[in-house]
All heavy atoms as atom14 arrays in JSON, in Angstrom:
{
  "sequence": "IAERMHPLDVPKLMRVLSQPDVVTAIAFASAEEDVASSEFLLENMSN",
  "atom14_mask": [
    [1, 1, 1, 1, 1, 1, 1, 1, 0, 0, 0, 0, 0, 0],
    [1, 1, 1, 1, 1, 0, 0, 0, 0, 0, 0, 0, 0, 0],
    [1, 1, 1, 1, 1, 1, 1, 1, 1, 0, 0, 0, 0, 0],
    [1, 1, 1, 1, 1, 1, 1, 1, 1, 1, 1, 0, 0, 0],
    [1, 1, 1, 1, 1, 1, 1, 1, 0, 0, 0, 0, 0, 0],
    [1, 1, 1, 1, 1, 1, 1, 1, 1, 1, 0, 0, 0, 0],
    [1, 1, 1, 1, 1, 1, 1, 0, 0, 0, 0, 0, 0, 0],
    [1, 1, 1, 1, 1, 1, 1, 1, 0, 0, 0, 0, 0, 0],
    [1, 1, 1, 1, 1, 1, 1, 1, 0, 0, 0, 0, 0, 0],
    [1, 1, 1, 1, 1, 1, 1, 0, 0, 0, 0, 0, 0, 0],
    [1, 1, 1, 1, 1, 1, 1, 0, 0, 0, 0, 0, 0, 0],
    [1, 1, 1, 1, 1, 1, 1, 1, 1, 0, 0, 0, 0, 0],
    [1, 1, 1, 1, 1, 1, 1, 1, 0, 0, 0, 0, 0, 0],
    [1, 1, 1, 1, 1, 1, 1, 1, 0, 0, 0, 0, 0, 0],
    [1, 1, 1, 1, 1, 1, 1, 1, 1, 1, 1, 0, 0, 0],
    [1, 1, 1, 1, 1, 1, 1, 0, 0, 0, 0, 0, 0, 0],
    [1, 1, 1, 1, 1, 1, 1, 1, 0, 0, 0, 0, 0, 0],
    [1, 1, 1, 1, 1, 1, 0, 0, 0, 0, 0, 0, 0, 0],
    [1, 1, 1, 1, 1, 1, 1, 1, 1, 0, 0, 0, 0, 0],
    [1, 1, 1, 1, 1, 1, 1, 0, 0, 0, 0, 0, 0, 0],
    [1, 1, 1, 1, 1, 1, 1, 1, 0, 0, 0, 0, 0, 0],
    [1, 1, 1, 1, 1, 1, 1, 0, 0, 0, 0, 0, 0, 0],
    [1, 1, 1, 1, 1, 1, 1, 0, 0, 0, 0, 0, 0, 0],
    [1, 1, 1, 1, 1, 1, 1, 0, 0, 0, 0, 0, 0, 0],
    [1, 1, 1, 1, 1, 0, 0, 0, 0, 0, 0, 0, 0, 0],
    [1, 1, 1, 1, 1, 1, 1, 1, 0, 0, 0, 0, 0, 0],
    [1, 1, 1, 1, 1, 0, 0, 0, 0, 0, 0, 0, 0, 0],
    [1, 1, 1, 1, 1, 1, 1, 1, 1, 1, 1, 0, 0, 0],
    [1, 1, 1, 1, 1, 0, 0, 0, 0, 0, 0, 0, 0, 0],
    [1, 1, 1, 1, 1, 1, 0, 0, 0, 0, 0, 0, 0, 0],
    [1, 1, 1, 1, 1, 0, 0, 0, 0, 0, 0, 0, 0, 0],
    [1, 1, 1, 1, 1, 1, 1, 1, 1, 0, 0, 0, 0, 0],
    [1, 1, 1, 1, 1, 1, 1, 1, 1, 0, 0, 0, 0, 0],
    [1, 1, 1, 1, 1, 1, 1, 1, 0, 0, 0, 0, 0, 0],
    [1, 1, 1, 1, 1, 1, 1, 0, 0, 0, 0, 0, 0, 0],
    [1, 1, 1, 1, 1, 0, 0, 0, 0, 0, 0, 0, 0, 0],
    [1, 1, 1, 1, 1, 1, 0, 0, 0, 0, 0, 0, 0, 0],
    [1, 1, 1, 1, 1, 1, 0, 0, 0, 0, 0, 0, 0, 0],
    [1, 1, 1, 1, 1, 1, 1, 1, 1, 0, 0, 0, 0, 0],
    [1, 1, 1, 1, 1, 1, 1, 1, 1, 1, 1, 0, 0, 0],
    [1, 1, 1, 1, 1, 1, 1, 1, 0, 0, 0, 0, 0, 0],
    [1, 1, 1, 1, 1, 1, 1, 1, 0, 0, 0, 0, 0, 0],
    [1, 1, 1, 1, 1, 1, 1, 1, 1, 0, 0, 0, 0, 0],
    [1, 1, 1, 1, 1, 1, 1, 1, 0, 0, 0, 0, 0, 0],
    [1, 1, 1, 1, 1, 1, 1, 1, 0, 0, 0, 0, 0, 0],
    [1, 1, 1, 1, 1, 1, 0, 0, 0, 0, 0, 0, 0, 0],
    [1, 1, 1, 1, 1, 1, 1, 1, 0, 0, 0, 0, 0, 0]
  ],
  "atom14_positions": [
    [[-81.23, 54.25, -65.88], [-81.67, 54.2, -64.48], [-82.38, 55.49, -64.08], [-83.45, 55.46, -63.46], [-80.47, 53.93, -63.55], [-79.99, 52.5, -63.73], [-80.85, 54.18, -62.08], [-78.76, 52.15, -62.9], [0.0, 0.0, 0.0], [0.0, 0.0, 0.0], [0.0, 0.0, 0.0], [0.0, 0.0, 0.0], [0.0, 0.0, 0.0], [0.0, 0.0, 0.0]],
    [[-81.82, 56.62, -64.44], [-82.41, 57.9, -64.05], [-83.79, 58.11, -64.67], [-84.65, 58.78, -64.09], [-81.49, 59.05, -64.44], [0.0, 0.0, 0.0], [0.0, 0.0, 0.0], [0.0, 0.0, 0.0], [0.0, 0.0, 0.0], [0.0, 0.0, 0.0], [0.0, 0.0, 0.0], [0.0, 0.0, 0.0], [0.0, 0.0, 0.0], [0.0, 0.0, 0.0]],
    [[-84.02, 57.52, -65.86], [-85.3, 57.69, -66.54], [-86.36, 56.72, -66.03], [-87.54, 57.04, -66.0], [-85.12, 57.49, -68.04], [-84.2, 58.49, -68.71], [-84.05, 58.21, -70.19], [-84.93, 57.5, -70.75], [-83.07, 58.66, -70.8], [0.0, 0.0, 0.0], [0.0, 0.0, 0.0], [0.0, 0.0, 0.0], [0.0, 0.0, 0.0], [0.0, 0.0, 0.0]],
    [[-85.95, 55.51, -65.64], [-86.91, 54.45, -65.37], [-87.15, 54.17, -63.89], [-88.15, 53.55, -63.54], [-86.44, 53.15, -66.04], [-86.21, 53.23, -67.52], [-87.49, 53.38, -68.29], [-88.43, 52.34, -67.99], [-88.4, 51.12, -68.53], [-87.45, 50.79, -69.39], [-89.32, 50.22, -68.22], [0.0, 0.0, 0.0], [0.0, 0.0, 0.0], [0.0, 0.0, 0.0]],
    [[-86.27, 54.61, -63.03], [-86.37, 54.23, -61.62], [-87.0, 55.35, -60.8], [-86.77, 56.53, -61.05], [-84.98, 53.89, -61.07], [-85.0, 53.14, -59.76], [-83.35, 52.54, -59.32], [-83.78, 51.54, -57.9], [0.0, 0.0, 0.0], [0.0, 0.0, 0.0], [0.0, 0.0, 0.0], [0.0, 0.0, 0.0], [0.0, 0.0, 0.0], [0.0, 0.0, 0.0]],
    [[-87.79, 54.96, -59.79], [-88.34, 55.93, -58.86], [-87.28, 56.32, -57.83], [-86.58, 55.44, -57.3], [-89.56, 55.35, -58.13], [-90.73, 55.09, -59.04], [-91.56, 56.08, -59.47], [-91.2, 53.95, -59.6], [-92.5, 55.58, -60.26], [-92.29, 54.28, -60.35], [0.0, 0.0, 0.0], [0.0, 0.0, 0.0], [0.0, 0.0, 0.0], [0.0, 0.0, 0.0]],
    [[-87.17, 57.59, -57.51], [-86.17, 58.02, -56.51], [-86.29, 57.28, -55.18], [-85.28, 56.94, -54.56], [-86.46, 59.52, -56.34], [-87.06, 59.92, -57.66], [-87.87, 58.75, -58.1], [0.0, 0.0, 0.0], [0.0, 0.0, 0.0], [0.0, 0.0, 0.0], [0.0, 0.0, 0.0], [0.0, 0.0, 0.0], [0.0, 0.0, 0.0], [0.0, 0.0, 0.0]],
    [[-87.51, 57.0, -54.74], [-87.7, 56.34, -53.43], [-87.25, 54.89, -53.45], [-87.1, 54.28, -52.38], [-89.17, 56.42, -53.02], [-89.72, 57.83, -52.72], [-91.2, 57.76, -52.38], [-88.93, 58.47, -51.59], [0.0, 0.0, 0.0], [0.0, 0.0, 0.0], [0.0, 0.0, 0.0], [0.0, 0.0, 0.0], [0.0, 0.0, 0.0], [0.0, 0.0, 0.0]],
    [[-87.02, 54.33, -54.65], [-86.58, 52.92, -54.73], [-85.06, 52.78, -54.7], [-84.56, 51.65, -54.62], [-87.12, 52.27, -56.0], [-88.62, 52.0, -55.92], [-89.11, 51.84, -54.79], [-89.28, 51.95, -56.97], [0.0, 0.0, 0.0], [0.0, 0.0, 0.0], [0.0, 0.0, 0.0], [0.0, 0.0, 0.0], [0.0, 0.0, 0.0], [0.0, 0.0, 0.0]],
    [[-84.36, 53.88, -54.78], [-82.89, 53.8, -54.78], [-82.34, 53.14, -53.51], [-81.45, 52.28, -53.59], [-82.27, 55.2, -54.98], [-80.75, 55.16, -54.76], [-82.57, 55.71, -56.39], [0.0, 0.0, 0.0], [0.0, 0.0, 0.0], [0.0, 0.0, 0.0], [0.0, 0.0, 0.0], [0.0, 0.0, 0.0], [0.0, 0.0, 0.0], [0.0, 0.0, 0.0]],
    [[-82.84, 53.49, -52.3], [-82.32, 52.8, -51.1], [-82.52, 51.29, -51.15], [-81.67, 50.54, -50.65], [-83.12, 53.45, -49.96], [-83.48, 54.8, -50.48], [-83.73, 54.6, -51.94], [0.0, 0.0, 0.0], [0.0, 0.0, 0.0], [0.0, 0.0, 0.0], [0.0, 0.0, 0.0], [0.0, 0.0, 0.0], [0.0, 0.0, 0.0], [0.0, 0.0, 0.0]],
    [[-83.63, 50.82, -51.74], [-83.85, 49.37, -51.85], [-82.78, 48.74, -52.74], [-82.3, 47.64, -52.47], [-85.24, 49.1, -52.44], [-86.39, 49.58, -51.58], [-87.72, 49.29, -52.27], [-88.89, 49.83, -51.45], [-90.18, 49.59, -52.13], [0.0, 0.0, 0.0], [0.0, 0.0, 0.0], [0.0, 0.0, 0.0], [0.0, 0.0, 0.0], [0.0, 0.0, 0.0]],
    [[-82.41, 49.45, -53.8], [-81.38, 48.93, -54.69], [-80.03, 48.92, -53.99], [-79.26, 47.95, -54.1], [-81.32, 49.78, -55.96], [-80.22, 49.44, -56.97], [-80.4, 48.02, -57.49], [-80.22, 50.44, -58.13], [0.0, 0.0, 0.0], [0.0, 0.0, 0.0], [0.0, 0.0, 0.0], [0.0, 0.0, 0.0], [0.0, 0.0, 0.0], [0.0, 0.0, 0.0]],
    [[-79.73, 49.98, -53.26], [-78.42, 50.07, -52.61], [-78.24, 48.98, -51.56], [-77.12, 48.54, -51.3], [-78.25, 51.45, -51.96], [-78.29, 52.62, -52.95], [-77.13, 52.43, -54.33], [-75.58, 52.39, -53.44], [0.0, 0.0, 0.0], [0.0, 0.0, 0.0], [0.0, 0.0, 0.0], [0.0, 0.0, 0.0], [0.0, 0.0, 0.0], [0.0, 0.0, 0.0]],
    [[-79.33, 48.52, -50.97], [-79.22, 47.48, -49.95], [-78.75, 46.14, -50.52], [-78.21, 45.31, -49.8], [-80.56, 47.3, -49.22], [-80.86, 48.39, -48.2], [-81.95, 47.96, -47.24], [-83.24, 47.84, -47.91], [-84.12, 48.83, -48.0], [-83.83, 50.02, -47.48], [-85.27, 48.65, -48.6], [0.0, 0.0, 0.0], [0.0, 0.0, 0.0], [0.0, 0.0, 0.0]],
    [[-78.99, 45.9, -51.81], [-78.62, 44.61, -52.41], [-77.34, 44.7, -53.24], [-76.92, 43.71, -53.82], [-79.78, 44.05, -53.28], [-81.02, 43.82, -52.44], [-80.09, 44.99, -54.45], [0.0, 0.0, 0.0], [0.0, 0.0, 0.0], [0.0, 0.0, 0.0], [0.0, 0.0, 0.0], [0.0, 0.0, 0.0], [0.0, 0.0, 0.0], [0.0, 0.0, 0.0]],
    [[-76.76, 45.88, -53.31], [-75.53, 46.06, -54.07], [-74.33, 46.13, -53.14], [-74.44, 46.55, -51.98], [-75.59, 47.36, -54.89], [-76.59, 47.41, -56.05], [-76.61, 48.81, -56.65], [-76.25, 46.38, -57.12], [0.0, 0.0, 0.0], [0.0, 0.0, 0.0], [0.0, 0.0, 0.0], [0.0, 0.0, 0.0], [0.0, 0.0, 0.0], [0.0, 0.0, 0.0]],
    [[-73.18, 45.74, -53.67], [-71.94, 45.94, -52.91], [-71.41, 47.32, -53.27], [-71.45, 47.74, -54.45], [-70.92, 44.86, -53.26], [-70.48, 44.99, -54.59], [0.0, 0.0, 0.0], [0.0, 0.0, 0.0], [0.0, 0.0, 0.0], [0.0, 0.0, 0.0], [0.0, 0.0, 0.0], [0.0, 0.0, 0.0], [0.0, 0.0, 0.0], [0.0, 0.0, 0.0]],
    [[-70.91, 48.04, -52.3], [-70.43, 49.39, -52.54], [-69.3, 49.44, -53.56], [-69.26, 50.36, -54.39], [-70.0, 50.05, -51.23], [-69.68, 51.53, -51.37], [-69.7, 52.25, -50.04], [-70.64, 52.1, -49.26], [-68.66, 53.03, -49.77], [0.0, 0.0, 0.0], [0.0, 0.0, 0.0], [0.0, 0.0, 0.0], [0.0, 0.0, 0.0], [0.0, 0.0, 0.0]],
    [[-68.37, 48.47, -53.58], [-67.32, 48.5, -54.6], [-67.86, 48.49, -56.03], [-67.3, 49.15, -56.92], [-66.51, 47.24, -54.31], [-66.69, 47.02, -52.84], [-68.1, 47.42, -52.58], [0.0, 0.0, 0.0], [0.0, 0.0, 0.0], [0.0, 0.0, 0.0], [0.0, 0.0, 0.0], [0.0, 0.0, 0.0], [0.0, 0.0, 0.0], [0.0, 0.0, 0.0]],
    [[-68.96, 47.74, -56.28], [-69.56, 47.74, -57.62], [-70.11, 49.11, -57.97], [-69.98, 49.57, -59.11], [-70.67, 46.7, -57.7], [-70.14, 45.27, -57.73], [-68.99, 45.08, -58.16], [-70.87, 44.35, -57.31], [0.0, 0.0, 0.0], [0.0, 0.0, 0.0], [0.0, 0.0, 0.0], [0.0, 0.0, 0.0], [0.0, 0.0, 0.0], [0.0, 0.0, 0.0]],
    [[-70.74, 49.76, -57.01], [-71.29, 51.09, -57.25], [-70.16, 52.09, -57.53], [-70.25, 52.91, -58.44], [-72.14, 51.55, -56.06], [-72.69, 52.96, -56.3], [-73.28, 50.58, -55.8], [0.0, 0.0, 0.0], [0.0, 0.0, 0.0], [0.0, 0.0, 0.0], [0.0, 0.0, 0.0], [0.0, 0.0, 0.0], [0.0, 0.0, 0.0], [0.0, 0.0, 0.0]],
    [[-69.1, 52.0, -56.74], [-67.96, 52.89, -56.94], [-67.36, 52.7, -58.33], [-67.07, 53.66, -59.05], [-66.88, 52.64, -55.85], [-65.6, 53.4, -56.19], [-67.42, 53.06, -54.49], [0.0, 0.0, 0.0], [0.0, 0.0, 0.0], [0.0, 0.0, 0.0], [0.0, 0.0, 0.0], [0.0, 0.0, 0.0], [0.0, 0.0, 0.0], [0.0, 0.0, 0.0]],
    [[-67.2, 51.43, -58.73], [-66.62, 51.13, -60.04], [-67.51, 51.68, -61.15], [-67.01, 52.26, -62.13], [-66.44, 49.61, -60.21], [-65.57, 49.13, -59.18], [-65.86, 49.29, -61.57], [0.0, 0.0, 0.0], [0.0, 0.0, 0.0], [0.0, 0.0, 0.0], [0.0, 0.0, 0.0], [0.0, 0.0, 0.0], [0.0, 0.0, 0.0], [0.0, 0.0, 0.0]],
    [[-68.82, 51.48, -61.04], [-69.74, 51.94, -62.08], [-69.72, 53.46, -62.21], [-69.67, 54.01, -63.32], [-71.16, 51.46, -61.77], [0.0, 0.0, 0.0], [0.0, 0.0, 0.0], [0.0, 0.0, 0.0], [0.0, 0.0, 0.0], [0.0, 0.0, 0.0], [0.0, 0.0, 0.0], [0.0, 0.0, 0.0], [0.0, 0.0, 0.0], [0.0, 0.0, 0.0]],
    [[-69.75, 54.15, -61.07], [-69.76, 55.61, -61.11], [-68.43, 56.15, -61.64], [-68.39, 57.13, -62.41], [-70.08, 56.18, -59.72], [-71.53, 55.8, -59.34], [-69.88, 57.68, -59.68], [-71.93, 56.25, -57.95], [0.0, 0.0, 0.0], [0.0, 0.0, 0.0], [0.0, 0.0, 0.0], [0.0, 0.0, 0.0], [0.0, 0.0, 0.0], [0.0, 0.0, 0.0]],
    [[-67.34, 55.52, -61.26], [-66.04, 55.96, -61.74], [-65.88, 55.7, -63.23], [-65.18, 56.45, -63.94], [-64.93, 55.23, -60.97], [0.0, 0.0, 0.0], [0.0, 0.0, 0.0], [0.0, 0.0, 0.0], [0.0, 0.0, 0.0], [0.0, 0.0, 0.0], [0.0, 0.0, 0.0], [0.0, 0.0, 0.0], [0.0, 0.0, 0.0], [0.0, 0.0, 0.0]],
    [[-66.54, 54.67, -63.74], [-66.43, 54.32, -65.15], [-67.34, 55.17, -66.03], [-67.06, 55.39, -67.21], [-66.77, 52.84, -65.33], [-66.78, 52.38, -66.76], [-65.6, 52.28, -67.49], [-67.98, 52.05, -67.38], [-65.62, 51.86, -68.82], [-68.0, 51.64, -68.71], [-66.81, 51.54, -69.42], [0.0, 0.0, 0.0], [0.0, 0.0, 0.0], [0.0, 0.0, 0.0]],
    [[-68.45, 55.66, -65.49], [-69.44, 56.39, -66.28], [-68.82, 57.62, -66.93], [-68.19, 58.45, -66.25], [-70.61, 56.79, -65.39], [0.0, 0.0, 0.0], [0.0, 0.0, 0.0], [0.0, 0.0, 0.0], [0.0, 0.0, 0.0], [0.0, 0.0, 0.0], [0.0, 0.0, 0.0], [0.0, 0.0, 0.0], [0.0, 0.0, 0.0], [0.0, 0.0, 0.0]],
    [[-69.03, 57.73, -68.24], [-68.52, 58.9, -68.97], [-69.55, 59.46, -69.94], [-69.59, 60.67, -70.17], [-67.24, 58.53, -69.73], [-67.48, 57.46, -70.63], [0.0, 0.0, 0.0], [0.0, 0.0, 0.0], [0.0, 0.0, 0.0], [0.0, 0.0, 0.0], [0.0, 0.0, 0.0], [0.0, 0.0, 0.0], [0.0, 0.0, 0.0], [0.0, 0.0, 0.0]],
    [[-70.36, 58.59, -70.52], [-71.42, 59.06, -71.43], [-72.42, 59.9, -70.64], [-72.61, 59.72, -69.43], [-72.11, 57.88, -72.1], [0.0, 0.0, 0.0], [0.0, 0.0, 0.0], [0.0, 0.0, 0.0], [0.0, 0.0, 0.0], [0.0, 0.0, 0.0], [0.0, 0.0, 0.0], [0.0, 0.0, 0.0], [0.0, 0.0, 0.0], [0.0, 0.0, 0.0]],
    [[-73.07, 60.8, -71.33], [-73.97, 61.75, -70.66], [-75.07, 61.04, -69.87], [-75.34, 61.38, -68.72], [-74.6, 62.67, -71.71], [-75.52, 63.73, -71.11], [-76.11, 64.66, -72.16], [-75.66, 64.58, -73.33], [-77.0, 65.45, -71.82], [0.0, 0.0, 0.0], [0.0, 0.0, 0.0], [0.0, 0.0, 0.0], [0.0, 0.0, 0.0], [0.0, 0.0, 0.0]],
    [[-75.69, 60.01, -70.49], [-76.78, 59.32, -69.79], [-76.26, 58.5, -68.62], [-76.94, 58.36, -67.59], [-77.58, 58.44, -70.75], [-76.79, 57.3, -71.38], [-76.11, 57.7, -72.67], [-75.99, 58.92, -72.93], [-75.7, 56.8, -73.42], [0.0, 0.0, 0.0], [0.0, 0.0, 0.0], [0.0, 0.0, 0.0], [0.0, 0.0, 0.0], [0.0, 0.0, 0.0]],
    [[-75.05, 57.96, -68.73], [-74.47, 57.2, -67.62], [-74.14, 58.12, -66.45], [-74.38, 57.77, -65.28], [-73.2, 56.47, -68.08], [-73.49, 55.37, -69.09], [-74.66, 54.91, -69.13], [-72.57, 54.98, -69.82], [0.0, 0.0, 0.0], [0.0, 0.0, 0.0], [0.0, 0.0, 0.0], [0.0, 0.0, 0.0], [0.0, 0.0, 0.0], [0.0, 0.0, 0.0]],
    [[-73.61, 59.29, -66.74], [-73.3, 60.26, -65.68], [-74.59, 60.71, -65.0], [-74.64, 60.87, -63.76], [-72.55, 61.48, -66.26], [-72.39, 62.57, -65.21], [-71.19, 61.05, -66.8], [0.0, 0.0, 0.0], [0.0, 0.0, 0.0], [0.0, 0.0, 0.0], [0.0, 0.0, 0.0], [0.0, 0.0, 0.0], [0.0, 0.0, 0.0], [0.0, 0.0, 0.0]],
    [[-75.66, 60.89, -65.78], [-76.94, 61.3, -65.2], [-77.47, 60.23, -64.24], [-78.01, 60.55, -63.17], [-77.95, 61.56, -66.32], [0.0, 0.0, 0.0], [0.0, 0.0, 0.0], [0.0, 0.0, 0.0], [0.0, 0.0, 0.0], [0.0, 0.0, 0.0], [0.0, 0.0, 0.0], [0.0, 0.0, 0.0], [0.0, 0.0, 0.0], [0.0, 0.0, 0.0]],
    [[-77.3, 58.95, -64.61], [-77.74, 57.87, -63.72], [-76.9, 57.82, -62.45], [-77.43, 57.57, -61.36], [-77.66, 56.52, -64.45], [-78.62, 56.45, -65.48], [0.0, 0.0, 0.0], [0.0, 0.0, 0.0], [0.0, 0.0, 0.0], [0.0, 0.0, 0.0], [0.0, 0.0, 0.0], [0.0, 0.0, 0.0], [0.0, 0.0, 0.0], [0.0, 0.0, 0.0]],
    [[-75.61, 58.08, -62.58], [-74.75, 58.09, -61.39], [-75.18, 59.19, -60.43], [-75.29, 58.97, -59.21], [-73.28, 58.3, -61.8], [-72.81, 57.22, -62.59], [0.0, 0.0, 0.0], [0.0, 0.0, 0.0], [0.0, 0.0, 0.0], [0.0, 0.0, 0.0], [0.0, 0.0, 0.0], [0.0, 0.0, 0.0], [0.0, 0.0, 0.0], [0.0, 0.0, 0.0]],
    [[-75.44, 60.37, -60.96], [-75.89, 61.48, -60.11], [-77.25, 61.18, -59.49], [-77.52, 61.53, -58.34], [-75.96, 62.77, -60.93], [-74.59, 63.35, -61.27], [-73.78, 63.65, -60.03], [-74.35, 64.18, -59.04], [-72.57, 63.34, -60.02], [0.0, 0.0, 0.0], [0.0, 0.0, 0.0], [0.0, 0.0, 0.0], [0.0, 0.0, 0.0], [0.0, 0.0, 0.0]],
    [[-78.11, 60.52, -60.26], [-79.44, 60.14, -59.75], [-79.3, 59.22, -58.54], [-79.98, 59.4, -57.52], [-80.23, 59.45, -60.86], [-81.55, 58.89, -60.43], [-82.66, 59.69, -60.3], [-81.69, 57.52, -60.15], [-83.89, 59.16, -59.9], [-82.89, 56.99, -59.76], [-84.0, 57.82, -59.63], [0.0, 0.0, 0.0], [0.0, 0.0, 0.0], [0.0, 0.0, 0.0]],
    [[-78.43, 58.22, -58.62], [-78.22, 57.31, -57.5], [-77.64, 58.03, -56.29], [-78.1, 57.84, -55.16], [-77.28, 56.17, -57.93], [-77.82, 55.19, -58.99], [-76.73, 54.2, -59.38], [-79.04, 54.44, -58.46], [0.0, 0.0, 0.0], [0.0, 0.0, 0.0], [0.0, 0.0, 0.0], [0.0, 0.0, 0.0], [0.0, 0.0, 0.0], [0.0, 0.0, 0.0]],
    [[-76.65, 58.89, -56.53], [-76.01, 59.6, -55.42], [-76.98, 60.55, -54.72], [-76.95, 60.69, -53.49], [-74.79, 60.37, -55.93], [-73.59, 59.51, -56.38], [-72.58, 60.35, -57.14], [-72.95, 58.83, -55.18], [0.0, 0.0, 0.0], [0.0, 0.0, 0.0], [0.0, 0.0, 0.0], [0.0, 0.0, 0.0], [0.0, 0.0, 0.0], [0.0, 0.0, 0.0]],
    [[-77.84, 61.18, -55.48], [-78.76, 62.15, -54.91], [-79.88, 61.5, -54.1], [-80.47, 62.16, -53.23], [-79.36, 63.01, -56.02], [-78.37, 63.97, -56.66], [-78.94, 64.65, -57.88], [-80.14, 64.39, -58.18], [-78.22, 65.44, -58.53], [0.0, 0.0, 0.0], [0.0, 0.0, 0.0], [0.0, 0.0, 0.0], [0.0, 0.0, 0.0], [0.0, 0.0, 0.0]],
    [[-80.17, 60.23, -54.37], [-81.32, 59.6, -53.72], [-80.93, 58.52, -52.71], [-81.79, 57.81, -52.21], [-82.23, 58.99, -54.78], [-82.93, 60.05, -55.61], [-83.84, 60.72, -55.12], [-82.49, 60.23, -56.85], [0.0, 0.0, 0.0], [0.0, 0.0, 0.0], [0.0, 0.0, 0.0], [0.0, 0.0, 0.0], [0.0, 0.0, 0.0], [0.0, 0.0, 0.0]],
    [[-79.64, 58.41, -52.4], [-79.2, 57.55, -51.3], [-78.89, 58.44, -50.1], [-78.98, 59.67, -50.18], [-77.98, 56.73, -51.72], [-76.74, 57.56, -52.01], [-75.28, 56.58, -52.45], [-75.75, 55.93, -54.05], [0.0, 0.0, 0.0], [0.0, 0.0, 0.0], [0.0, 0.0, 0.0], [0.0, 0.0, 0.0], [0.0, 0.0, 0.0], [0.0, 0.0, 0.0]],
    [[-78.55, 57.84, -48.99], [-78.24, 58.64, -47.81], [-77.03, 59.53, -48.06], [-76.12, 59.16, -48.83], [-77.99, 57.73, -46.61], [-76.78, 57.01, -46.78], [0.0, 0.0, 0.0], [0.0, 0.0, 0.0], [0.0, 0.0, 0.0], [0.0, 0.0, 0.0], [0.0, 0.0, 0.0], [0.0, 0.0, 0.0], [0.0, 0.0, 0.0], [0.0, 0.0, 0.0]],
    [[-77.0, 60.7, -47.44], [-75.89, 61.64, -47.63], [-74.55, 61.01, -47.22], [-73.53, 61.22, -47.88], [-76.12, 62.91, -46.82], [-77.25, 63.73, -47.39], [-77.52, 63.69, -48.6], [-77.92, 64.49, -46.54], [0.0, 0.0, 0.0], [0.0, 0.0, 0.0], [0.0, 0.0, 0.0], [0.0, 0.0, 0.0], [0.0, 0.0, 0.0], [0.0, 0.0, 0.0]]
  ]
}
């Protein structure tokens, strides 16, 4: 996600996702690339 997605498109993605799924994915992420994608999503959504 962090490599392929535009930062400005993150809010569009968040609008169609349920927050529990996002929480579960971020909590589950452990591999380096998965953690980088989690941080990418968090940094480009609303504070």
